[in-house]
Amino acid sequence: MGALPKQKISRSQQGNRRSHHSVKMPQLARCPNCKSYRELHHVCPNCGMYKGRQVLFSKDTLD
C-alpha cells in the first residue's frame, strides 16, 4: 500500500482545490489584417497572419 491521508478532506477544502478546474472563455481580439476574431498570441485562422507576417498559406495563394 502507498501513502494514505491521515484525515478526511472536507467538502469546502475539496471545492477550493477544484476551483481552478473550471473551463474559461478564450480571450479574443480582432485581427488587424482581416478584422475577424482570433485568439491572443495565435495565428489568425481566417487569413494566416501573425505579427504582421504571413505564416499560413492557403492553396489558393500558392497557385
N, C-alpha and C. Protein backbone atom coordinates (compact mmCIF):
# COMPACT_ATOMS: atom_id res chain seq x y z
N MET A 1 0.83 -1.17 0.00
CA MET A 1 0.00 0.00 0.00
C MET A 1 0.89 1.24 0.00
N GLY A 2 0.36 2.26 -0.64
CA GLY A 2 1.09 3.52 -0.68
C GLY A 2 0.69 4.43 0.46
N ALA A 3 1.00 5.67 0.33
CA ALA A 3 0.67 6.66 1.35
C ALA A 3 -0.83 6.89 1.40
N LEU A 4 -1.36 7.03 2.59
CA LEU A 4 -2.78 7.27 2.79
C LEU A 4 -2.97 8.56 3.58
N PRO A 5 -4.07 9.30 3.33
CA PRO A 5 -4.29 10.53 4.08
C PRO A 5 -4.60 10.25 5.55
N LYS A 6 -4.12 11.12 6.42
CA LYS A 6 -4.36 10.95 7.86
C LYS A 6 -5.79 11.33 8.23
N GLN A 7 -6.36 12.34 7.53
CA GLN A 7 -7.71 12.79 7.86
C GLN A 7 -8.52 12.97 6.58
N LYS A 8 -9.84 12.99 6.78
CA LYS A 8 -10.75 13.23 5.66
C LYS A 8 -10.65 14.69 5.23
N ILE A 9 -10.66 14.92 3.92
CA ILE A 9 -10.65 16.29 3.40
C ILE A 9 -12.09 16.75 3.29
N SER A 10 -12.40 17.90 3.90
CA SER A 10 -13.77 18.40 3.92
C SER A 10 -14.21 18.83 2.52
N ARG A 11 -15.51 18.97 2.34
CA ARG A 11 -16.06 19.36 1.04
C ARG A 11 -15.62 20.76 0.63
N SER A 12 -15.47 21.64 1.61
CA SER A 12 -15.04 23.00 1.28
C SER A 12 -13.59 23.02 0.80
N GLN A 13 -12.74 22.25 1.45
CA GLN A 13 -11.35 22.16 1.00
C GLN A 13 -11.26 21.52 -0.38
N GLN A 14 -12.09 20.51 -0.61
CA GLN A 14 -12.16 19.85 -1.90
C GLN A 14 -12.59 20.85 -2.98
N GLY A 15 -13.57 21.67 -2.66
CA GLY A 15 -14.06 22.68 -3.60
C GLY A 15 -13.03 23.75 -3.88
N ASN A 16 -12.28 24.15 -2.84
CA ASN A 16 -11.22 25.14 -3.04
C ASN A 16 -10.15 24.61 -3.98
N ARG A 17 -9.81 23.35 -3.86
CA ARG A 17 -8.81 22.76 -4.74
C ARG A 17 -9.32 22.68 -6.17
N ARG A 18 -10.59 22.34 -6.32
CA ARG A 18 -11.16 22.16 -7.65
C ARG A 18 -11.63 23.47 -8.30
N SER A 19 -11.51 24.58 -7.60
CA SER A 19 -12.00 25.84 -8.15
C SER A 19 -11.22 26.27 -9.38
N HIS A 20 -10.01 25.78 -9.55
CA HIS A 20 -9.19 26.13 -10.70
C HIS A 20 -9.43 25.21 -11.89
N HIS A 21 -10.30 24.24 -11.77
CA HIS A 21 -10.54 23.27 -12.84
C HIS A 21 -11.59 23.74 -13.83
N SER A 22 -12.21 24.88 -13.59
CA SER A 22 -13.30 25.32 -14.45
C SER A 22 -12.77 25.73 -15.82
N VAL A 23 -13.61 25.63 -16.83
CA VAL A 23 -13.24 25.99 -18.19
C VAL A 23 -13.46 27.49 -18.36
N LYS A 24 -12.46 28.16 -18.90
CA LYS A 24 -12.54 29.61 -19.07
C LYS A 24 -12.75 29.94 -20.55
N MET A 25 -13.39 31.08 -20.79
CA MET A 25 -13.60 31.54 -22.15
C MET A 25 -12.26 31.97 -22.75
N PRO A 26 -12.01 31.66 -24.03
CA PRO A 26 -10.76 32.11 -24.64
C PRO A 26 -10.78 33.62 -24.85
N GLN A 27 -9.62 34.25 -24.69
CA GLN A 27 -9.50 35.69 -24.90
C GLN A 27 -9.41 35.94 -26.40
N LEU A 28 -10.32 36.75 -26.92
CA LEU A 28 -10.38 37.02 -28.36
C LEU A 28 -10.02 38.47 -28.64
N ALA A 29 -9.40 38.67 -29.80
CA ALA A 29 -9.05 40.01 -30.25
C ALA A 29 -9.29 40.06 -31.75
N ARG A 30 -9.43 41.27 -32.28
CA ARG A 30 -9.64 41.43 -33.71
C ARG A 30 -8.30 41.33 -34.44
N CYS A 31 -8.30 40.65 -35.56
CA CYS A 31 -7.11 40.56 -36.41
C CYS A 31 -6.93 41.91 -37.11
N PRO A 32 -5.73 42.51 -37.05
CA PRO A 32 -5.55 43.80 -37.71
C PRO A 32 -5.61 43.73 -39.23
N ASN A 33 -5.44 42.53 -39.78
CA ASN A 33 -5.43 42.38 -41.23
C ASN A 33 -6.84 42.19 -41.79
N CYS A 34 -7.58 41.19 -41.27
CA CYS A 34 -8.89 40.87 -41.85
C CYS A 34 -10.06 41.23 -40.94
N LYS A 35 -9.79 41.72 -39.74
CA LYS A 35 -10.80 42.17 -38.77
C LYS A 35 -11.70 41.06 -38.22
N SER A 36 -11.33 39.80 -38.41
CA SER A 36 -12.10 38.72 -37.80
C SER A 36 -11.51 38.43 -36.42
N TYR A 37 -12.26 37.72 -35.58
CA TYR A 37 -11.80 37.43 -34.24
C TYR A 37 -10.82 36.26 -34.25
N ARG A 38 -9.78 36.36 -33.41
CA ARG A 38 -8.79 35.30 -33.25
C ARG A 38 -8.35 35.28 -31.80
N GLU A 39 -7.72 34.17 -31.37
CA GLU A 39 -7.19 34.09 -30.02
C GLU A 39 -5.92 34.93 -29.92
N LEU A 40 -5.67 35.46 -28.71
CA LEU A 40 -4.46 36.24 -28.50
C LEU A 40 -3.23 35.35 -28.66
N HIS A 41 -2.19 35.89 -29.27
CA HIS A 41 -0.91 35.20 -29.47
C HIS A 41 -1.07 33.94 -30.31
N HIS A 42 -2.03 33.91 -31.22
CA HIS A 42 -2.24 32.79 -32.13
C HIS A 42 -2.34 33.31 -33.56
N VAL A 43 -2.07 32.44 -34.50
CA VAL A 43 -2.21 32.79 -35.92
C VAL A 43 -3.69 32.94 -36.24
N CYS A 44 -4.04 33.91 -37.05
CA CYS A 44 -5.43 34.12 -37.46
C CYS A 44 -5.84 32.95 -38.35
N PRO A 45 -6.92 32.23 -37.99
CA PRO A 45 -7.33 31.10 -38.82
C PRO A 45 -7.95 31.53 -40.15
N ASN A 46 -8.36 32.78 -40.25
CA ASN A 46 -9.02 33.27 -41.45
C ASN A 46 -8.00 33.67 -42.53
N CYS A 47 -7.01 34.48 -42.15
CA CYS A 47 -6.06 34.99 -43.16
C CYS A 47 -4.66 34.43 -43.01
N GLY A 48 -4.31 33.82 -41.85
CA GLY A 48 -3.00 33.21 -41.67
C GLY A 48 -1.90 34.18 -41.28
N MET A 49 -2.25 35.38 -40.80
CA MET A 49 -1.26 36.38 -40.42
C MET A 49 -0.96 36.28 -38.93
N TYR A 50 0.31 36.55 -38.57
CA TYR A 50 0.72 36.63 -37.16
C TYR A 50 1.82 37.67 -37.06
N LYS A 51 1.60 38.68 -36.22
CA LYS A 51 2.54 39.79 -36.02
C LYS A 51 2.96 40.43 -37.33
N GLY A 52 2.00 40.62 -38.22
CA GLY A 52 2.27 41.32 -39.48
C GLY A 52 2.94 40.48 -40.55
N ARG A 53 3.12 39.19 -40.29
CA ARG A 53 3.74 38.31 -41.28
C ARG A 53 2.77 37.24 -41.72
N GLN A 54 2.87 36.78 -42.95
CA GLN A 54 2.06 35.69 -43.47
C GLN A 54 2.70 34.38 -43.02
N VAL A 55 2.02 33.65 -42.14
CA VAL A 55 2.58 32.43 -41.58
C VAL A 55 1.96 31.20 -42.23
N LEU A 56 0.65 31.19 -42.37
CA LEU A 56 -0.04 30.08 -43.01
C LEU A 56 -0.44 30.48 -44.41
N PHE A 57 -0.24 29.59 -45.36
CA PHE A 57 -0.60 29.84 -46.74
C PHE A 57 -1.69 28.87 -47.15
N SER A 58 -2.69 29.39 -47.84
CA SER A 58 -3.75 28.52 -48.35
C SER A 58 -3.37 28.04 -49.75
N LYS A 59 -4.06 27.04 -50.24
CA LYS A 59 -3.77 26.50 -51.58
C LYS A 59 -4.07 27.53 -52.67
N ASP A 60 -5.01 28.44 -52.41
CA ASP A 60 -5.36 29.45 -53.40
C ASP A 60 -4.19 30.44 -53.60
N THR A 61 -3.50 30.80 -52.53
CA THR A 61 -2.41 31.76 -52.65
C THR A 61 -1.15 31.14 -53.24
N LEU A 62 -0.99 29.82 -53.13
CA LEU A 62 0.20 29.17 -53.68
C LEU A 62 0.12 29.02 -55.20
N ASP A 63 -1.06 28.94 -55.74
CA ASP A 63 -1.22 28.77 -57.21
C ASP A 63 -1.01 30.07 -57.95
